[in-house]
Amino acid sequence: MTKAPIARDRAQMGKLVAQNHGWAAAKAFKSATMTHDDGVAVSKAGLDLLRVFPASPDEAPLMSAALAVRLEGALSAPAYVVAGTLAVEGTPVLGDRLAFDPEEAFAGETPRFNGHVWLMVGDIIIDIALFRLAYSADGPAVLSRHVDLAFGPGKALFVDLWKHAARLGLNYEPHYVLSSDDVTRLMGGAFHAIKAAQG
């Protein structure tokens, strides 16, 4: 398999947004930002979801989709669900930078995808799964060590500027922006996971 093209700035991210959401959405994405009220809404929705979502090794896609759905209409700009590679200090820990077929990867409620999934509002990263993965026994050891040193224990939701995340040693490398249909399918998986956990 070949290496997947990685978006490294807002202009390249705009092209990924355009693939499934159109050029008007891409143009709006490039100038989008979050307000203080947006931050409050993200924090509340994220913490509420973390309380009810069961821990599992592949939870990032389902949790991210569920958070995106919770935030629809609540923010001043859309939150897009992004799939790609998460590297620590340049070394991939979730994903392998290889190309994948999005139609196959996100065809059902359970993704078949070797990588990481997070949200972006403009150049702001919202990662609901990062700390849970890092603190779990199933998380990559490199990620666990890095998070422990950089953030310490007890963190819940990662929200920061894309460039600032890189300065913290977390390299978010987007390959694909999920379509609305992709997100809807994953939301179905998230709903079933939450329902099963509640008995």
N, C-alpha and C. Protein backbone atom coordinates (compact mmCIF):
# COMPACT_ATOMS: atom_id res chain seq x y z
N MET A 1 0.83 -1.20 0.00
CA MET A 1 0.00 0.00 0.00
C MET A 1 0.87 1.25 0.00
N THR A 2 0.38 2.29 -0.62
CA THR A 2 1.13 3.53 -0.68
C THR A 2 0.82 4.42 0.51
N LYS A 3 1.70 5.38 0.73
CA LYS A 3 1.45 6.34 1.80
C LYS A 3 0.27 7.22 1.42
N ALA A 4 -0.54 7.55 2.40
CA ALA A 4 -1.68 8.42 2.14
C ALA A 4 -1.24 9.87 2.20
N PRO A 5 -1.82 10.72 1.34
CA PRO A 5 -1.50 12.15 1.46
C PRO A 5 -2.00 12.67 2.80
N ILE A 6 -1.17 13.43 3.48
CA ILE A 6 -1.51 13.96 4.79
C ILE A 6 -1.72 15.47 4.67
N ALA A 7 -2.84 15.96 5.17
CA ALA A 7 -3.07 17.40 5.20
C ALA A 7 -2.19 18.00 6.30
N ARG A 8 -1.43 19.02 5.95
CA ARG A 8 -0.50 19.61 6.92
C ARG A 8 -0.85 21.05 7.28
N ASP A 9 -1.86 21.62 6.63
CA ASP A 9 -2.28 22.98 6.97
C ASP A 9 -3.76 23.14 6.64
N ARG A 10 -4.29 24.31 6.94
CA ARG A 10 -5.73 24.55 6.74
C ARG A 10 -6.14 24.45 5.28
N ALA A 11 -5.28 24.91 4.36
CA ALA A 11 -5.61 24.85 2.94
C ALA A 11 -5.78 23.40 2.48
N GLN A 12 -4.85 22.53 2.90
CA GLN A 12 -4.95 21.11 2.54
C GLN A 12 -6.13 20.45 3.23
N MET A 13 -6.40 20.85 4.48
CA MET A 13 -7.59 20.33 5.18
C MET A 13 -8.86 20.74 4.45
N GLY A 14 -8.87 21.96 3.93
CA GLY A 14 -10.03 22.43 3.16
C GLY A 14 -10.33 21.51 1.99
N LYS A 15 -9.29 21.03 1.32
CA LYS A 15 -9.49 20.11 0.20
C LYS A 15 -10.12 18.79 0.66
N LEU A 16 -9.69 18.31 1.84
CA LEU A 16 -10.28 17.09 2.38
C LEU A 16 -11.75 17.31 2.75
N VAL A 17 -12.06 18.46 3.33
CA VAL A 17 -13.45 18.80 3.67
C VAL A 17 -14.29 18.84 2.39
N ALA A 18 -13.74 19.44 1.33
CA ALA A 18 -14.48 19.60 0.08
C ALA A 18 -14.88 18.26 -0.54
N GLN A 19 -14.07 17.23 -0.35
CA GLN A 19 -14.35 15.93 -0.99
C GLN A 19 -15.73 15.40 -0.63
N ASN A 20 -16.16 15.58 0.61
CA ASN A 20 -17.47 15.06 1.02
C ASN A 20 -18.49 16.12 1.40
N HIS A 21 -18.04 17.37 1.53
CA HIS A 21 -18.95 18.40 2.03
C HIS A 21 -19.06 19.61 1.10
N GLY A 22 -18.28 19.64 0.01
CA GLY A 22 -18.39 20.71 -0.97
C GLY A 22 -17.43 21.87 -0.70
N TRP A 23 -17.25 22.69 -1.74
CA TRP A 23 -16.27 23.77 -1.66
C TRP A 23 -16.71 24.90 -0.75
N ALA A 24 -18.03 25.13 -0.65
CA ALA A 24 -18.51 26.19 0.27
C ALA A 24 -18.15 25.83 1.71
N ALA A 25 -18.33 24.56 2.06
CA ALA A 25 -17.98 24.10 3.41
C ALA A 25 -16.48 24.21 3.64
N ALA A 26 -15.70 23.87 2.60
CA ALA A 26 -14.24 23.96 2.71
C ALA A 26 -13.79 25.39 2.94
N LYS A 27 -14.40 26.32 2.22
CA LYS A 27 -14.03 27.74 2.38
C LYS A 27 -14.36 28.21 3.79
N ALA A 28 -15.55 27.82 4.29
CA ALA A 28 -15.95 28.20 5.65
C ALA A 28 -15.03 27.56 6.68
N PHE A 29 -14.63 26.31 6.44
CA PHE A 29 -13.74 25.61 7.37
C PHE A 29 -12.43 26.38 7.55
N LYS A 30 -11.89 26.90 6.45
CA LYS A 30 -10.57 27.55 6.49
C LYS A 30 -10.56 28.81 7.36
N SER A 31 -11.74 29.41 7.58
CA SER A 31 -11.79 30.61 8.42
C SER A 31 -12.49 30.37 9.76
N ALA A 32 -12.89 29.13 10.01
CA ALA A 32 -13.65 28.82 11.23
C ALA A 32 -12.78 28.86 12.47
N THR A 33 -13.40 29.20 13.58
CA THR A 33 -12.74 29.16 14.88
C THR A 33 -13.79 28.84 15.93
N MET A 34 -13.36 28.71 17.18
CA MET A 34 -14.30 28.42 18.27
C MET A 34 -14.36 29.60 19.22
N THR A 35 -15.58 29.91 19.66
CA THR A 35 -15.78 30.95 20.65
C THR A 35 -15.71 30.34 22.05
N HIS A 36 -15.74 31.21 23.07
CA HIS A 36 -15.77 30.72 24.45
C HIS A 36 -17.00 29.85 24.67
N ASP A 37 -18.15 30.28 24.16
CA ASP A 37 -19.38 29.49 24.30
C ASP A 37 -19.26 28.14 23.62
N ASP A 38 -18.59 28.11 22.46
CA ASP A 38 -18.35 26.84 21.77
C ASP A 38 -17.53 25.90 22.67
N GLY A 39 -16.51 26.46 23.32
CA GLY A 39 -15.67 25.66 24.20
C GLY A 39 -16.45 25.06 25.35
N VAL A 40 -17.37 25.85 25.90
CA VAL A 40 -18.22 25.35 26.99
C VAL A 40 -19.10 24.22 26.48
N ALA A 41 -19.68 24.39 25.28
CA ALA A 41 -20.56 23.35 24.71
C ALA A 41 -19.78 22.06 24.44
N VAL A 42 -18.56 22.20 23.92
CA VAL A 42 -17.71 21.03 23.63
C VAL A 42 -17.38 20.29 24.93
N SER A 43 -17.00 21.04 25.94
CA SER A 43 -16.63 20.45 27.23
C SER A 43 -17.80 19.68 27.84
N LYS A 44 -18.97 20.31 27.85
CA LYS A 44 -20.15 19.66 28.45
C LYS A 44 -20.53 18.40 27.68
N ALA A 45 -20.62 18.51 26.34
CA ALA A 45 -21.00 17.36 25.53
C ALA A 45 -19.98 16.23 25.64
N GLY A 46 -18.68 16.59 25.64
CA GLY A 46 -17.63 15.58 25.73
C GLY A 46 -17.64 14.85 27.06
N LEU A 47 -17.75 15.59 28.16
CA LEU A 47 -17.76 14.97 29.48
C LEU A 47 -19.01 14.11 29.68
N ASP A 48 -20.15 14.58 29.19
CA ASP A 48 -21.39 13.78 29.27
C ASP A 48 -21.22 12.46 28.53
N LEU A 49 -20.63 12.52 27.35
CA LEU A 49 -20.44 11.31 26.54
C LEU A 49 -19.43 10.36 27.18
N LEU A 50 -18.37 10.88 27.73
CA LEU A 50 -17.37 10.03 28.40
C LEU A 50 -17.98 9.28 29.58
N ARG A 51 -18.97 9.89 30.23
CA ARG A 51 -19.61 9.23 31.38
C ARG A 51 -20.42 8.01 30.98
N VAL A 52 -20.99 8.04 29.76
CA VAL A 52 -21.90 6.94 29.38
C VAL A 52 -21.29 5.97 28.37
N PHE A 53 -20.17 6.34 27.76
CA PHE A 53 -19.62 5.49 26.70
C PHE A 53 -18.71 4.42 27.30
N PRO A 54 -18.96 3.15 26.96
CA PRO A 54 -18.13 2.07 27.53
C PRO A 54 -16.72 2.09 26.95
N ALA A 55 -15.75 1.71 27.77
CA ALA A 55 -14.36 1.63 27.31
C ALA A 55 -14.20 0.46 26.35
N SER A 56 -13.52 0.71 25.22
CA SER A 56 -13.20 -0.35 24.26
C SER A 56 -11.98 0.08 23.46
N PRO A 57 -11.23 -0.87 22.90
CA PRO A 57 -9.99 -0.53 22.21
C PRO A 57 -10.19 0.35 20.97
N ASP A 58 -11.33 0.19 20.28
CA ASP A 58 -11.54 0.93 19.03
C ASP A 58 -12.63 2.00 19.17
N GLU A 59 -12.65 2.66 20.32
CA GLU A 59 -13.75 3.57 20.60
C GLU A 59 -13.63 4.93 19.93
N ALA A 60 -12.45 5.34 19.49
CA ALA A 60 -12.27 6.69 18.96
C ALA A 60 -13.23 7.03 17.81
N PRO A 61 -13.42 6.15 16.80
CA PRO A 61 -14.35 6.50 15.73
C PRO A 61 -15.79 6.66 16.22
N LEU A 62 -16.24 5.75 17.07
CA LEU A 62 -17.63 5.81 17.54
C LEU A 62 -17.85 7.01 18.46
N MET A 63 -16.92 7.25 19.37
CA MET A 63 -17.05 8.39 20.28
C MET A 63 -16.98 9.72 19.53
N SER A 64 -16.09 9.79 18.55
CA SER A 64 -15.96 11.03 17.79
C SER A 64 -17.23 11.32 16.99
N ALA A 65 -17.79 10.27 16.39
CA ALA A 65 -19.04 10.45 15.64
C ALA A 65 -20.16 10.89 16.58
N ALA A 66 -20.25 10.25 17.74
CA ALA A 66 -21.30 10.60 18.70
C ALA A 66 -21.14 12.05 19.18
N LEU A 67 -19.90 12.47 19.41
CA LEU A 67 -19.67 13.84 19.84
C LEU A 67 -20.04 14.83 18.74
N ALA A 68 -19.69 14.50 17.49
CA ALA A 68 -20.03 15.37 16.37
C ALA A 68 -21.54 15.54 16.26
N VAL A 69 -22.28 14.45 16.43
CA VAL A 69 -23.74 14.52 16.36
C VAL A 69 -24.29 15.37 17.51
N ARG A 70 -23.73 15.18 18.71
CA ARG A 70 -24.16 15.99 19.87
C ARG A 70 -23.93 17.47 19.65
N LEU A 71 -22.87 17.80 18.89
CA LEU A 71 -22.49 19.20 18.70
C LEU A 71 -23.16 19.86 17.49
N GLU A 72 -23.89 19.07 16.69
CA GLU A 72 -24.56 19.65 15.52
C GLU A 72 -25.46 20.80 15.94
N GLY A 73 -25.25 21.94 15.35
CA GLY A 73 -26.07 23.10 15.65
C GLY A 73 -25.73 23.81 16.95
N ALA A 74 -24.82 23.25 17.74
CA ALA A 74 -24.47 23.85 19.04
C ALA A 74 -23.27 24.78 18.95
N LEU A 75 -22.52 24.70 17.84
CA LEU A 75 -21.30 25.50 17.70
C LEU A 75 -21.48 26.57 16.62
N SER A 76 -20.62 27.56 16.66
CA SER A 76 -20.68 28.63 15.66
C SER A 76 -20.12 28.18 14.31
N ALA A 77 -19.44 27.04 14.26
CA ALA A 77 -18.91 26.47 13.02
C ALA A 77 -19.01 24.95 13.12
N PRO A 78 -19.15 24.26 11.99
CA PRO A 78 -19.29 22.80 12.04
C PRO A 78 -18.05 22.09 12.57
N ALA A 79 -18.27 20.98 13.26
CA ALA A 79 -17.19 20.10 13.69
C ALA A 79 -17.15 18.92 12.73
N TYR A 80 -16.01 18.72 12.08
CA TYR A 80 -15.87 17.63 11.13
C TYR A 80 -15.13 16.46 11.77
N VAL A 81 -15.57 15.24 11.44
CA VAL A 81 -14.92 14.04 11.94
C VAL A 81 -13.79 13.68 10.96
N VAL A 82 -12.60 13.53 11.50
CA VAL A 82 -11.39 13.35 10.68
C VAL A 82 -10.73 12.02 11.03
N ALA A 83 -10.32 11.29 10.00
CA ALA A 83 -9.60 10.03 10.19
C ALA A 83 -8.17 10.20 9.70
N GLY A 84 -7.24 9.63 10.44
CA GLY A 84 -5.85 9.74 10.03
C GLY A 84 -4.93 9.02 10.99
N THR A 85 -3.72 9.54 11.08
CA THR A 85 -2.68 8.96 11.93
C THR A 85 -2.38 9.92 13.07
N LEU A 86 -2.21 9.37 14.27
CA LEU A 86 -1.71 10.15 15.39
C LEU A 86 -0.29 9.68 15.67
N ALA A 87 0.64 10.62 15.62
CA ALA A 87 2.04 10.31 15.90
C ALA A 87 2.47 11.04 17.17
N VAL A 88 3.40 10.46 17.89
CA VAL A 88 3.99 11.10 19.06
C VAL A 88 5.44 11.42 18.71
N GLU A 89 5.77 12.71 18.76
CA GLU A 89 7.11 13.16 18.38
C GLU A 89 7.50 12.61 17.01
N GLY A 90 6.52 12.56 16.09
CA GLY A 90 6.79 12.14 14.72
C GLY A 90 6.68 10.65 14.45
N THR A 91 6.56 9.83 15.49
CA THR A 91 6.46 8.37 15.31
C THR A 91 4.99 7.94 15.42
N PRO A 92 4.43 7.30 14.38
CA PRO A 92 3.03 6.90 14.42
C PRO A 92 2.74 5.93 15.57
N VAL A 93 1.67 6.22 16.32
CA VAL A 93 1.25 5.32 17.40
C VAL A 93 -0.18 4.81 17.17
N LEU A 94 -0.98 5.57 16.45
CA LEU A 94 -2.33 5.14 16.06
C LEU A 94 -2.46 5.41 14.57
N GLY A 95 -2.31 4.36 13.78
CA GLY A 95 -2.28 4.50 12.33
C GLY A 95 -0.88 4.31 11.80
N ASP A 96 -0.80 4.22 10.46
CA ASP A 96 0.49 3.90 9.85
C ASP A 96 0.82 4.77 8.64
N ARG A 97 0.05 5.84 8.44
CA ARG A 97 0.25 6.77 7.32
C ARG A 97 0.00 6.14 5.96
N LEU A 98 -0.56 4.92 5.92
CA LEU A 98 -0.83 4.26 4.65
C LEU A 98 -2.22 4.63 4.13
N ALA A 99 -2.35 4.62 2.82
CA ALA A 99 -3.65 4.91 2.20
C ALA A 99 -4.65 3.81 2.57
N PHE A 100 -5.91 4.19 2.65
CA PHE A 100 -6.97 3.22 2.92
C PHE A 100 -8.18 3.62 2.10
N ASP A 101 -9.10 2.67 1.94
CA ASP A 101 -10.32 2.92 1.18
C ASP A 101 -11.41 3.38 2.16
N PRO A 102 -11.78 4.66 2.14
CA PRO A 102 -12.78 5.16 3.10
C PRO A 102 -14.12 4.45 2.99
N GLU A 103 -14.51 4.09 1.75
CA GLU A 103 -15.80 3.41 1.58
C GLU A 103 -15.81 2.07 2.30
N GLU A 104 -14.69 1.39 2.27
CA GLU A 104 -14.58 0.10 2.96
C GLU A 104 -14.40 0.31 4.47
N ALA A 105 -13.57 1.28 4.83
CA ALA A 105 -13.24 1.51 6.24
C ALA A 105 -14.46 1.92 7.06
N PHE A 106 -15.34 2.74 6.45
CA PHE A 106 -16.47 3.29 7.21
C PHE A 106 -17.81 2.86 6.61
N ALA A 107 -17.84 1.62 6.10
CA ALA A 107 -19.05 1.12 5.45
C ALA A 107 -20.13 0.69 6.45
N GLY A 108 -19.74 0.41 7.69
CA GLY A 108 -20.72 -0.08 8.65
C GLY A 108 -20.62 0.64 9.99
N GLU A 109 -21.32 0.10 10.98
CA GLU A 109 -21.34 0.70 12.32
C GLU A 109 -20.03 0.48 13.06
N THR A 110 -19.27 -0.54 12.65
CA THR A 110 -17.96 -0.80 13.26
C THR A 110 -16.90 -0.55 12.21
N PRO A 111 -16.05 0.47 12.41
CA PRO A 111 -15.07 0.80 11.38
C PRO A 111 -13.98 -0.25 11.24
N ARG A 112 -13.51 -0.42 10.01
CA ARG A 112 -12.36 -1.29 9.74
C ARG A 112 -11.25 -0.37 9.26
N PHE A 113 -10.53 0.17 10.24
CA PHE A 113 -9.60 1.25 9.93
C PHE A 113 -8.46 1.23 10.94
N ASN A 114 -7.24 1.20 10.43
CA ASN A 114 -6.07 1.23 11.30
C ASN A 114 -5.62 2.67 11.43
N GLY A 115 -6.08 3.34 12.46
CA GLY A 115 -5.71 4.74 12.63
C GLY A 115 -6.45 5.37 13.79
N HIS A 116 -6.57 6.67 13.74
CA HIS A 116 -7.21 7.41 14.82
C HIS A 116 -8.28 8.32 14.21
N VAL A 117 -9.24 8.71 15.02
CA VAL A 117 -10.32 9.58 14.56
C VAL A 117 -10.54 10.66 15.61
N TRP A 118 -10.72 11.90 15.15
CA TRP A 118 -10.93 13.05 16.04
C TRP A 118 -11.82 14.06 15.33
N LEU A 119 -12.12 15.16 15.98
CA LEU A 119 -12.90 16.24 15.37
C LEU A 119 -12.01 17.44 15.11
N MET A 120 -12.40 18.23 14.11
CA MET A 120 -11.75 19.51 13.87
C MET A 120 -12.79 20.59 13.61
N VAL A 121 -12.60 21.72 14.27
CA VAL A 121 -13.37 22.93 13.98
C VAL A 121 -12.32 23.94 13.53
N GLY A 122 -12.25 24.22 12.24
CA GLY A 122 -11.14 25.03 11.75
C GLY A 122 -9.84 24.35 12.12
N ASP A 123 -8.91 25.11 12.72
CA ASP A 123 -7.61 24.51 13.07
C ASP A 123 -7.56 24.05 14.53
N ILE A 124 -8.73 23.76 15.10
CA ILE A 124 -8.79 23.29 16.49
C ILE A 124 -9.10 21.78 16.50
N ILE A 125 -8.28 21.05 17.22
CA ILE A 125 -8.45 19.60 17.40
C ILE A 125 -9.32 19.36 18.62
N ILE A 126 -10.30 18.47 18.48
CA ILE A 126 -11.10 18.00 19.62
C ILE A 126 -10.97 16.48 19.62
N ASP A 127 -10.28 15.94 20.61
CA ASP A 127 -10.04 14.50 20.67
C ASP A 127 -10.63 13.95 21.97
N ILE A 128 -11.77 13.28 21.83
CA ILE A 128 -12.47 12.75 23.01
C ILE A 128 -11.86 11.43 23.48
N ALA A 129 -11.10 10.76 22.62
CA ALA A 129 -10.59 9.43 22.97
C ALA A 129 -9.13 9.42 23.44
N LEU A 130 -8.41 10.51 23.22
CA LEU A 130 -6.97 10.52 23.47
C LEU A 130 -6.60 10.07 24.88
N PHE A 131 -7.14 10.75 25.88
CA PHE A 131 -6.73 10.46 27.26
C PHE A 131 -7.22 9.09 27.72
N ARG A 132 -8.43 8.72 27.31
CA ARG A 132 -8.93 7.41 27.70
C ARG A 132 -8.03 6.31 27.13
N LEU A 133 -7.64 6.45 25.87
CA LEU A 133 -6.73 5.47 25.26
C LEU A 133 -5.38 5.46 25.98
N ALA A 134 -4.86 6.65 26.26
CA ALA A 134 -3.53 6.75 26.89
C ALA A 134 -3.52 6.16 28.29
N TYR A 135 -4.62 6.32 29.03
CA TYR A 135 -4.67 5.83 30.41
C TYR A 135 -5.07 4.36 30.51
N SER A 136 -5.51 3.76 29.39
CA SER A 136 -5.99 2.37 29.45
C SER A 136 -4.84 1.39 29.26
N ALA A 137 -5.07 0.17 29.70
CA ALA A 137 -4.05 -0.90 29.53
C ALA A 137 -3.89 -1.25 28.05
N ASP A 138 -4.91 -0.95 27.23
CA ASP A 138 -4.86 -1.28 25.80
C ASP A 138 -4.17 -0.20 24.97
N GLY A 139 -3.90 0.95 25.55
CA GLY A 139 -3.31 2.05 24.80
C GLY A 139 -1.86 1.78 24.46
N PRO A 140 -1.39 2.35 23.35
CA PRO A 140 0.03 2.19 22.99
C PRO A 140 0.93 2.74 24.09
N ALA A 141 1.97 1.99 24.44
CA ALA A 141 2.85 2.37 25.55
C ALA A 141 3.51 3.72 25.30
N VAL A 142 3.88 4.00 24.06
CA VAL A 142 4.53 5.27 23.72
C VAL A 142 3.58 6.43 24.01
N LEU A 143 2.31 6.26 23.62
CA LEU A 143 1.31 7.30 23.87
C LEU A 143 1.08 7.47 25.37
N SER A 144 0.97 6.37 26.08
CA SER A 144 0.75 6.42 27.53
C SER A 144 1.86 7.18 28.24
N ARG A 145 3.10 6.87 27.90
CA ARG A 145 4.24 7.55 28.52
C ARG A 145 4.24 9.04 28.20
N HIS A 146 3.98 9.35 26.93
CA HIS A 146 4.00 10.75 26.52
C HIS A 146 2.92 11.57 27.22
N VAL A 147 1.72 11.02 27.28
CA VAL A 147 0.60 11.73 27.93
C VAL A 147 0.88 11.89 29.41
N ASP A 148 1.43 10.87 30.04
CA ASP A 148 1.75 10.97 31.46
C ASP A 148 2.76 12.09 31.72
N LEU A 149 3.78 12.19 30.89
CA LEU A 149 4.81 13.21 31.07
C LEU A 149 4.30 14.61 30.70
N ALA A 150 3.52 14.71 29.62
CA ALA A 150 3.10 16.01 29.11
C ALA A 150 1.87 16.57 29.84
N PHE A 151 0.98 15.68 30.31
CA PHE A 151 -0.30 16.14 30.86
C PHE A 151 -0.57 15.66 32.28
N GLY A 152 0.03 14.54 32.67
CA GLY A 152 -0.27 13.97 33.98
C GLY A 152 -1.56 13.18 33.96
N PRO A 153 -2.00 12.71 35.13
CA PRO A 153 -3.20 11.87 35.21
C PRO A 153 -4.49 12.70 35.24
N GLY A 154 -5.60 12.00 35.02
CA GLY A 154 -6.91 12.58 35.28
C GLY A 154 -7.47 13.52 34.24
N LYS A 155 -6.90 13.59 33.04
CA LYS A 155 -7.44 14.46 31.99
C LYS A 155 -8.55 13.72 31.24
N ALA A 156 -9.49 14.49 30.66
CA ALA A 156 -10.64 13.85 30.03
C ALA A 156 -10.76 14.15 28.54
N LEU A 157 -10.66 15.41 28.16
CA LEU A 157 -10.95 15.81 26.79
C LEU A 157 -9.82 16.70 26.28
N PHE A 158 -9.25 16.36 25.11
CA PHE A 158 -8.17 17.16 24.55
C PHE A 158 -8.74 18.14 23.54
N VAL A 159 -8.55 19.43 23.77
CA VAL A 159 -8.97 20.49 22.84
C VAL A 159 -7.82 21.48 22.74
N ASP A 160 -7.29 21.66 21.53
CA ASP A 160 -6.17 22.59 21.37
C ASP A 160 -6.01 22.92 19.89
N LEU A 161 -5.25 23.98 19.62
CA LEU A 161 -4.91 24.32 18.25
C LEU A 161 -4.06 23.21 17.64
N TRP A 162 -4.29 22.94 16.38
CA TRP A 162 -3.56 21.89 15.65
C TRP A 162 -2.05 22.09 15.79
N LYS A 163 -1.56 23.29 15.54
CA LYS A 163 -0.12 23.56 15.64
C LYS A 163 0.39 23.44 17.07
N HIS A 164 -0.44 23.84 18.04
CA HIS A 164 -0.01 23.74 19.43
C HIS A 164 0.08 22.27 19.86
N ALA A 165 -0.84 21.45 19.37
CA ALA A 165 -0.79 20.01 19.66
C ALA A 165 0.55 19.44 19.20
N ALA A 166 0.99 19.87 18.01
CA ALA A 166 2.28 19.39 17.49
C ALA A 166 3.43 19.84 18.38
N ARG A 167 3.33 21.05 18.92
CA ARG A 167 4.39 21.52 19.82
C ARG A 167 4.40 20.73 21.13
N LEU A 168 3.25 20.13 21.46
CA LEU A 168 3.16 19.26 22.64
C LEU A 168 3.59 17.83 22.32
N GLY A 169 4.01 17.60 21.07
CA GLY A 169 4.47 16.28 20.67
C GLY A 169 3.39 15.39 20.10
N LEU A 170 2.17 15.92 19.90
CA LEU A 170 1.07 15.15 19.34
C LEU A 170 0.84 15.61 17.90
N ASN A 171 1.21 14.76 16.95
CA ASN A 171 1.10 15.11 15.54
C ASN A 171 -0.16 14.48 14.95
N TYR A 172 -1.18 15.30 14.74
CA TYR A 172 -2.42 14.84 14.11
C TYR A 172 -2.26 14.97 12.60
N GLU A 173 -2.34 13.84 11.90
CA GLU A 173 -2.08 13.79 10.46
C GLU A 173 -3.35 13.34 9.73
N PRO A 174 -4.16 14.30 9.27
CA PRO A 174 -5.45 13.95 8.64
C PRO A 174 -5.26 13.33 7.25
N HIS A 175 -6.04 12.26 6.99
CA HIS A 175 -6.07 11.63 5.67
C HIS A 175 -7.44 11.79 5.01
N TYR A 176 -8.50 11.87 5.83
CA TYR A 176 -9.86 11.79 5.28
C TYR A 176 -10.83 12.48 6.24
N VAL A 177 -11.77 13.25 5.68
CA VAL A 177 -12.86 13.84 6.45
C VAL A 177 -14.12 13.03 6.17
N LEU A 178 -14.70 12.48 7.21
CA LEU A 178 -15.86 11.60 7.03
C LEU A 178 -17.06 12.36 6.47
N SER A 179 -17.85 11.65 5.66
CA SER A 179 -19.09 12.21 5.12
C SER A 179 -20.17 12.14 6.19
N SER A 180 -21.28 12.82 5.94
CA SER A 180 -22.41 12.76 6.87
C SER A 180 -22.92 11.34 7.00
N ASP A 181 -22.93 10.58 5.89
CA ASP A 181 -23.39 9.18 5.94
C ASP A 181 -22.43 8.33 6.77
N ASP A 182 -21.12 8.56 6.62
CA ASP A 182 -20.14 7.83 7.45
C ASP A 182 -20.43 8.06 8.93
N VAL A 183 -20.64 9.31 9.28
CA VAL A 183 -20.87 9.68 10.69
C VAL A 183 -22.17 9.05 11.19
N THR A 184 -23.19 9.05 10.36
CA THR A 184 -24.48 8.45 10.75
C THR A 184 -24.33 6.97 11.03
N ARG A 185 -23.57 6.26 10.18
CA ARG A 185 -23.35 4.82 10.41
C ARG A 185 -22.59 4.58 11.73
N LEU A 186 -21.54 5.36 11.96
CA LEU A 186 -20.78 5.21 13.20
C LEU A 186 -21.63 5.56 14.41
N MET A 187 -22.50 6.55 14.26
CA MET A 187 -23.40 6.93 15.36
C MET A 187 -24.30 5.76 15.73
N GLY A 188 -24.71 4.98 14.74
CA GLY A 188 -25.49 3.77 15.02
C GLY A 188 -24.70 2.81 15.89
N GLY A 189 -23.42 2.64 15.57
CA GLY A 189 -22.56 1.77 16.39
C GLY A 189 -22.39 2.32 17.78
N ALA A 190 -22.25 3.64 17.91
CA ALA A 190 -22.10 4.28 19.22
C ALA A 190 -23.36 4.07 20.06
N PHE A 191 -24.51 4.24 19.42
CA PHE A 191 -25.78 4.07 20.13
C PHE A 191 -25.90 2.65 20.68
N HIS A 192 -25.55 1.66 19.85
CA HIS A 192 -25.64 0.27 20.31
C HIS A 192 -24.64 -0.03 21.42
N ALA A 193 -23.46 0.57 21.36
CA ALA A 193 -22.45 0.36 22.39
C ALA A 193 -22.93 0.94 23.73
N ILE A 194 -23.49 2.14 23.69
CA ILE A 194 -23.99 2.77 24.92
C ILE A 194 -25.16 1.98 25.49
N LYS A 195 -26.06 1.56 24.60
CA LYS A 195 -27.25 0.80 25.05
C LYS A 195 -26.83 -0.52 25.69
N ALA A 196 -25.87 -1.22 25.07
CA ALA A 196 -25.41 -2.50 25.60
C ALA A 196 -24.75 -2.30 26.97
N ALA A 197 -24.01 -1.21 27.13
CA ALA A 197 -23.33 -0.95 28.41
C ALA A 197 -24.32 -0.64 29.51
N GLN A 198 -25.44 -0.05 29.15
CA GLN A 198 -26.46 0.31 30.15
C GLN A 198 -27.36 -0.87 30.49
N GLY A 199 -27.22 -1.96 29.73
CA GLY A 199 -28.00 -3.16 30.01
C GLY A 199 -29.42 -3.03 29.57
